[in-house]
């Protein structure tokens, strides 16, 4: 890992123990009630500043991956995919200046922080991603979750790894038409190389995901992993005309969501690598309610599970 200009690099082997020790001290009986939840109140309980500063410093300098999700079902998917026991997972709020709460856990020697938006959408995704990067300094920001797929390009249950993302609502409204003017952000070249060489066409990964899922496995077809463009907008879409119009901007479009573009822009500006993995739960064609009711849980799980499976190798490229 390359250290940022103002960052002191710690030995990876020492990080988990030092973090655990600092957090254990801070989660003592006298401090436990102070950190479970931060609500932005000026009347928040006082904390042991020395203990908090030490824990803040260690956490902020030692996070490898920040996982961002937009809705509770996606958070549930991460807990299931990474096999996290809910009772032992700590909701930490040690970086008050950035107003963030996160779940900290370790997976195969990788220190991970899981963060959830307080609502859907690009604005909140950009805000949370920015604060997470500034406060936690992760090597990688990964977003997992659900999306709408493009009919003819994807099937329900397919996984989309975004090769590049753009905002399909960006442009100019004329009197008689809309002129799209999107700016596209591609995923990092080194990550792209890994995905193309090791993830695409890897049928073993699909088998592992399906075997690990404990719910209904009646998928319409064997899922496929796509490495294709994704587009983000500001509203939930259940109108096929919208996605048809977006494809006229990007013919190779695989899916649309409400957050991926914001995560990519925020990470790109702050020089942090990013990755978006989402599973198709509907086609934004007027039948969203019917399809998402049967596949939403699997979609949330499978996107997180793919990240869980590839992360030990993926982290070598960031």
Protein backbone atom coordinates (compact mmCIF):
# COMPACT_ATOMS: atom_id res chain seq x y z
CA UNK A 1 0.00 0.00 0.00
CA UNK A 2 1.29 3.43 -0.91
CA UNK A 3 1.02 5.99 1.88
CA UNK A 4 -0.67 9.29 1.21
CA UNK A 5 1.46 12.41 1.62
CA UNK A 6 0.26 13.18 5.15
CA UNK A 7 -0.21 9.59 6.26
CA UNK A 8 1.98 7.51 8.54
CA UNK A 9 2.02 3.88 7.39
CA UNK A 10 1.48 1.24 10.06
CA UNK A 11 2.54 -2.38 9.83
CA UNK A 12 -0.50 -4.35 8.59
CA UNK A 13 0.33 -7.15 11.02
CA UNK A 14 0.12 -4.75 13.96
CA UNK A 15 -3.05 -2.95 12.92
CA UNK A 16 -5.77 -5.45 13.97
CA UNK A 17 -4.33 -5.96 17.45
CA UNK A 18 -3.75 -2.27 18.07
CA UNK A 19 -7.20 -1.38 16.80
CA UNK A 20 -8.80 -4.07 18.91
CA UNK A 21 -6.95 -2.95 22.02
CA UNK A 22 -7.91 0.68 21.53
CA UNK A 23 -11.53 -0.13 20.80
CA UNK A 24 -11.75 -2.55 23.73
CA UNK A 25 -10.57 0.17 26.09
CA UNK A 26 -12.95 2.65 24.58
CA UNK A 27 -15.86 0.23 24.80
CA UNK A 28 -15.41 -0.01 28.55
CA UNK A 29 -18.43 0.23 30.82
CA UNK A 30 -18.01 3.95 31.41
CA UNK A 31 -17.76 4.79 27.69
CA UNK A 32 -20.04 2.20 26.07
CA UNK A 33 -23.20 4.26 26.27
CA UNK A 34 -21.45 7.31 24.83
CA UNK A 35 -20.55 5.86 21.44
CA UNK A 36 -23.34 3.56 20.34
CA UNK A 37 -25.16 6.30 18.51
CA UNK A 38 -24.38 9.86 17.53
CA UNK A 39 -27.33 12.08 16.73
CA UNK A 40 -25.63 15.41 16.10
CA UNK A 41 -26.73 16.92 19.40
CA UNK A 42 -24.69 19.63 21.07
CA UNK A 43 -25.64 17.93 24.33
CA UNK A 44 -23.95 14.62 23.43
CA UNK A 45 -22.18 12.96 26.40
CA UNK A 46 -18.55 13.80 26.97
CA UNK A 47 -16.01 11.13 26.04
CA UNK A 48 -12.60 10.30 27.32
CA UNK A 49 -10.69 12.45 24.84
CA UNK A 50 -7.40 10.57 25.15
CA UNK A 51 -9.00 7.17 24.54
CA UNK A 52 -11.14 8.54 21.71
CA UNK A 53 -8.23 10.25 20.00
CA UNK A 54 -6.15 7.08 20.09
CA UNK A 55 -8.98 4.97 18.72
CA UNK A 56 -9.78 7.56 16.06
CA UNK A 57 -6.18 7.65 14.94
CA UNK A 58 -5.79 3.89 14.70
CA UNK A 59 -9.11 3.33 12.95
CA UNK A 60 -8.63 6.19 10.49
CA UNK A 61 -5.16 5.00 9.51
CA UNK A 62 -5.96 1.29 9.29
CA UNK A 63 -9.18 0.78 7.30
CA UNK A 64 -8.58 -1.14 4.07
CA UNK A 65 -12.10 -1.10 2.63
CA UNK A 66 -15.16 1.07 3.20
CA UNK A 67 -18.35 -0.65 2.03
CA UNK A 68 -21.20 1.74 1.23
CA UNK A 69 -24.85 0.65 1.01
CA UNK A 70 -27.94 2.73 0.41
CA UNK A 71 -30.80 0.84 2.09
CA UNK A 72 -31.27 -1.55 5.04
CA UNK A 73 -31.82 -4.65 2.86
CA UNK A 74 -28.37 -4.08 1.33
CA UNK A 75 -26.85 -3.82 4.80
CA UNK A 76 -28.55 -7.11 5.69
CA UNK A 77 -27.01 -8.60 2.56
CA UNK A 78 -23.51 -7.60 3.70
CA UNK A 79 -24.06 -9.06 7.18
CA UNK A 80 -25.18 -12.35 5.64
CA UNK A 81 -22.52 -12.49 2.92
CA UNK A 82 -19.67 -11.83 5.35
CA UNK A 83 -21.28 -14.05 8.00
CA UNK A 84 -21.24 -11.31 10.61
CA UNK A 85 -22.87 -12.12 13.97
CA UNK A 86 -25.12 -9.14 14.62
CA UNK A 87 -24.81 -9.25 18.38
CA UNK A 88 -21.05 -8.87 18.27
CA UNK A 89 -20.92 -6.19 15.58
CA UNK A 90 -20.25 -2.78 17.12
CA UNK A 91 -21.82 0.37 15.76
CA UNK A 92 -18.95 2.81 16.19
CA UNK A 93 -19.15 6.57 16.14
CA UNK A 94 -15.64 7.68 16.89
CA UNK A 95 -15.23 10.38 14.27
CA UNK A 96 -17.74 12.99 15.33
CA UNK A 97 -16.35 15.69 13.06
CA UNK A 98 -17.48 13.68 10.02
CA UNK A 99 -20.82 12.61 11.52
CA UNK A 100 -20.50 8.97 10.53
CA UNK A 101 -21.54 5.69 12.08
CA UNK A 102 -20.07 2.43 10.85
CA UNK A 103 -19.68 -1.23 11.65
CA UNK A 104 -16.04 -2.25 11.93
CA UNK A 105 -14.99 -5.85 11.25
CA UNK A 106 -12.06 -7.90 10.02
CA UNK A 107 -12.21 -10.42 7.16
CA UNK A 108 -9.22 -12.52 6.09
CA UNK A 109 -6.88 -9.92 7.58
CA UNK A 110 -8.68 -7.05 5.81
CA UNK A 111 -10.05 -4.25 7.99
CA UNK A 112 -13.50 -3.22 6.77
CA UNK A 113 -15.94 -0.47 7.71
CA UNK A 114 -19.58 -0.84 6.65
CA UNK A 115 -21.58 2.36 6.27
CA UNK A 116 -25.22 2.92 5.31
CA UNK A 117 -26.84 6.04 3.90
CA UNK A 118 -29.78 7.47 5.82
CA UNK A 119 -31.73 7.56 2.56
CA UNK A 120 -31.29 6.67 -1.11
CA UNK A 121 -29.89 8.94 -3.78
CA UNK A 122 -26.76 10.50 -5.22
CA UNK A 123 -26.58 13.48 -2.88
CA UNK A 124 -26.44 11.35 0.24
CA UNK A 125 -24.15 8.83 -1.43
CA UNK A 126 -21.68 11.57 -2.30
CA UNK A 127 -21.85 13.00 1.21
CA UNK A 128 -21.32 9.67 2.97
CA UNK A 129 -18.55 8.54 0.61
CA UNK A 130 -16.69 11.82 1.05
CA UNK A 131 -16.96 11.73 4.83
CA UNK A 132 -15.94 8.07 4.93
CA UNK A 133 -12.82 8.71 2.86
CA UNK A 134 -11.81 11.78 4.87
CA UNK A 135 -12.44 10.11 8.21
CA UNK A 136 -11.38 6.52 7.58
CA UNK A 137 -8.88 6.87 4.72
CA UNK A 138 -9.73 3.50 3.13
CA UNK A 139 -7.65 2.05 0.32
CA UNK A 140 -10.85 1.09 -1.51
CA UNK A 141 -14.48 2.23 -1.46
CA UNK A 142 -16.90 -0.49 -2.56
CA UNK A 143 -20.63 -0.09 -3.09
CA UNK A 144 -22.82 -3.20 -3.20
CA UNK A 145 -26.56 -3.63 -3.52
CA UNK A 146 -29.44 -3.77 -5.96
CA UNK A 147 -30.16 -2.15 -9.31
CA UNK A 148 -32.42 -2.25 -12.34
CA UNK A 149 -31.07 -4.14 -15.32
CA UNK A 150 -31.50 -3.62 -19.02
CA UNK A 151 -33.83 -6.04 -20.77
CA UNK A 152 -31.95 -8.03 -23.38
CA UNK A 153 -28.59 -7.33 -21.79
CA UNK A 154 -29.20 -8.81 -18.34
CA UNK A 155 -31.42 -11.27 -16.52
CA UNK A 156 -32.87 -11.10 -13.03
CA UNK A 157 -30.15 -12.13 -10.58
CA UNK A 158 -27.26 -11.14 -12.86
CA UNK A 159 -24.39 -9.28 -11.23
CA UNK A 160 -23.10 -6.03 -12.71
CA UNK A 161 -19.63 -4.75 -11.91
CA UNK A 162 -19.57 -1.18 -13.19
CA UNK A 163 -16.84 -0.65 -15.79
CA UNK A 164 -17.72 3.03 -15.80
CA UNK A 165 -20.55 5.15 -14.44
CA UNK A 166 -22.35 8.30 -15.53
CA UNK A 167 -25.27 10.52 -14.50
CA UNK A 168 -28.02 10.06 -17.09
CA UNK A 169 -29.89 13.13 -15.78
CA UNK A 170 -27.00 15.48 -16.64
CA UNK A 171 -27.63 17.64 -19.68
CA UNK A 172 -29.72 20.52 -20.97
CA UNK A 173 -33.47 20.80 -21.32
CA UNK A 174 -34.45 22.55 -24.53
CA UNK A 175 -37.97 23.65 -25.42
CA UNK A 176 -38.60 20.53 -27.46
CA UNK A 177 -36.08 17.97 -26.24
CA UNK A 178 -33.43 16.99 -23.69
CA UNK A 179 -29.78 17.02 -24.65
CA UNK A 180 -27.74 14.56 -22.53
CA UNK A 181 -24.30 15.72 -21.46
CA UNK A 182 -23.00 13.05 -19.10
CA UNK A 183 -19.44 12.78 -17.82
CA UNK A 184 -18.29 9.19 -17.43
CA UNK A 185 -15.94 7.89 -14.74
CA UNK A 186 -14.17 4.58 -15.49
CA UNK A 187 -13.02 2.14 -12.84
CA UNK A 188 -9.27 2.07 -12.14
CA UNK A 189 -7.22 0.25 -14.80
CA UNK A 190 -5.60 -2.14 -12.34
CA UNK A 191 -8.97 -3.15 -10.92
CA UNK A 192 -10.32 -3.49 -14.45
CA UNK A 193 -7.48 -5.84 -15.36
CA UNK A 194 -8.16 -8.04 -12.35
CA UNK A 195 -11.91 -8.18 -13.04
CA UNK A 196 -11.50 -9.08 -16.70
CA UNK A 197 -8.83 -11.70 -16.07
CA UNK A 198 -10.10 -13.31 -12.87
CA UNK A 199 -13.79 -12.55 -12.30
CA UNK A 200 -15.61 -12.59 -15.63
CA UNK A 201 -16.50 -16.07 -16.85
CA UNK A 202 -15.58 -17.44 -13.43
CA UNK A 203 -18.45 -19.91 -13.03
CA UNK A 204 -17.06 -21.13 -9.73
CA UNK A 205 -17.88 -17.75 -8.19
CA UNK A 206 -21.50 -18.02 -9.30
CA UNK A 207 -21.73 -21.51 -7.83
CA UNK A 208 -20.32 -20.34 -4.52
CA UNK A 209 -22.78 -17.44 -4.34
CA UNK A 210 -25.80 -19.63 -5.06
CA UNK A 211 -24.66 -22.33 -2.62
CA UNK A 212 -24.14 -19.76 0.14
CA UNK A 213 -27.57 -18.15 -0.19
CA UNK A 214 -30.04 -19.54 2.34
CA UNK A 215 -33.23 -18.22 0.76
CA UNK A 216 -35.28 -19.00 -2.34
CA UNK A 217 -32.97 -20.06 -5.18
CA UNK A 218 -35.59 -20.24 -7.93
CA UNK A 219 -33.75 -17.86 -10.22
CA UNK A 220 -35.03 -17.52 -13.81
CA UNK A 221 -31.61 -18.51 -15.17
CA UNK A 222 -28.04 -19.13 -14.05
CA UNK A 223 -26.70 -15.68 -13.13
CA UNK A 224 -23.97 -14.03 -15.18
CA UNK A 225 -21.34 -11.52 -14.09
CA UNK A 226 -21.21 -8.44 -16.36
CA UNK A 227 -18.49 -5.80 -16.50
CA UNK A 228 -20.44 -3.04 -18.22
CA UNK A 229 -21.41 0.64 -17.87
CA UNK A 230 -23.94 1.71 -15.26
CA UNK A 231 -25.88 4.95 -15.06
CA UNK A 232 -27.29 6.76 -12.04
CA UNK A 233 -30.27 9.07 -11.71
CA UNK A 234 -32.08 10.97 -9.00
CA UNK A 235 -35.31 8.97 -8.83
CA UNK A 236 -36.56 5.39 -8.62
CA UNK A 237 -37.44 4.33 -12.16
CA UNK A 238 -40.25 1.97 -13.15
CA UNK A 239 -40.79 3.19 -16.71
CA UNK A 240 -39.18 1.39 -19.65
CA UNK A 241 -39.09 4.62 -21.65
CA UNK A 242 -36.52 6.05 -19.24
CA UNK A 243 -34.05 3.21 -19.55
CA UNK A 244 -34.61 3.08 -23.31
CA UNK A 245 -33.66 6.75 -23.49
CA UNK A 246 -30.54 6.19 -21.41
CA UNK A 247 -29.37 3.48 -23.81
CA UNK A 248 -29.33 6.04 -26.59
CA UNK A 249 -26.59 7.77 -24.60
CA UNK A 250 -24.68 4.55 -23.85
CA UNK A 251 -25.49 1.61 -26.12
CA UNK A 252 -23.61 -0.87 -23.92
CA UNK A 253 -25.51 0.09 -20.74
CA UNK A 254 -26.21 -2.82 -18.39
CA UNK A 255 -28.13 -1.21 -15.54
CA UNK A 256 -29.23 1.89 -13.64
CA UNK A 257 -29.30 2.88 -9.98
CA UNK A 258 -29.36 6.00 -7.79
CA UNK A 259 -25.91 6.07 -6.17
CA UNK A 260 -23.01 4.55 -8.15
CA UNK A 261 -22.05 7.73 -10.00
CA UNK A 262 -21.87 9.75 -6.78
CA UNK A 263 -19.63 7.17 -5.10
CA UNK A 264 -17.29 7.15 -8.10
CA UNK A 265 -17.08 10.94 -8.34
CA UNK A 266 -16.39 11.40 -4.64
CA UNK A 267 -13.74 8.67 -4.60
CA UNK A 268 -12.13 9.94 -7.78
CA UNK A 269 -11.82 13.49 -6.46
CA UNK A 270 -10.24 12.21 -3.26
CA UNK A 271 -7.89 9.88 -5.18
CA UNK A 272 -9.34 6.69 -3.76
CA UNK A 273 -10.05 3.59 -5.81
CA UNK A 274 -13.68 2.54 -6.05
CA UNK A 275 -15.74 -0.44 -7.15
CA UNK A 276 -19.49 -0.85 -7.64
CA UNK A 277 -21.14 -4.29 -7.66
CA UNK A 278 -24.92 -4.52 -7.98
CA UNK A 279 -27.37 -7.31 -8.74
CA UNK A 280 -30.36 -6.94 -11.05
CA UNK A 281 -33.65 -7.09 -9.13
CA UNK A 282 -35.95 -5.61 -11.79
CA UNK A 283 -35.98 -4.08 -15.27
CA UNK A 284 -37.51 -0.66 -14.49
CA UNK A 285 -40.33 -1.58 -16.88
CA UNK A 286 -43.48 -1.19 -14.80
CA UNK A 287 -43.11 -4.54 -13.06
CA UNK A 288 -40.67 -3.51 -10.32
CA UNK A 289 -42.95 -4.39 -7.41
CA UNK A 290 -43.60 -7.90 -8.70
CA UNK A 291 -39.98 -8.83 -9.35
CA UNK A 292 -38.31 -7.15 -6.38
CA UNK A 293 -40.62 -8.89 -3.93
CA UNK A 294 -39.20 -12.27 -4.96
CA UNK A 295 -35.55 -11.49 -5.71
CA UNK A 296 -34.57 -8.43 -3.68
CA UNK A 297 -33.09 -10.42 -0.79
CA UNK A 298 -30.99 -12.56 -3.13
CA UNK A 299 -29.87 -9.47 -5.07
CA UNK A 300 -28.66 -7.72 -1.93
CA UNK A 301 -26.88 -10.87 -0.74
CA UNK A 302 -25.26 -11.88 -4.03
CA UNK A 303 -23.64 -8.51 -4.76
CA UNK A 304 -22.11 -8.48 -1.27
CA UNK A 305 -21.10 -12.13 -1.55
CA UNK A 306 -19.25 -11.54 -4.81
CA UNK A 307 -17.28 -8.78 -3.08
CA UNK A 308 -16.59 -11.08 -0.13
CA UNK A 309 -15.28 -13.83 -2.42
CA UNK A 310 -12.97 -11.65 -4.52
CA UNK A 311 -11.80 -9.24 -1.83
CA UNK A 312 -8.71 -11.21 -0.68
CA UNK A 313 -7.33 -11.03 -4.24
CA UNK A 314 -8.83 -7.66 -5.14
CA UNK A 315 -7.14 -5.90 -2.21
CA UNK A 316 -3.75 -6.68 -3.78
CA UNK A 317 -4.58 -4.26 -6.61
CA UNK A 318 -5.33 -1.21 -4.43
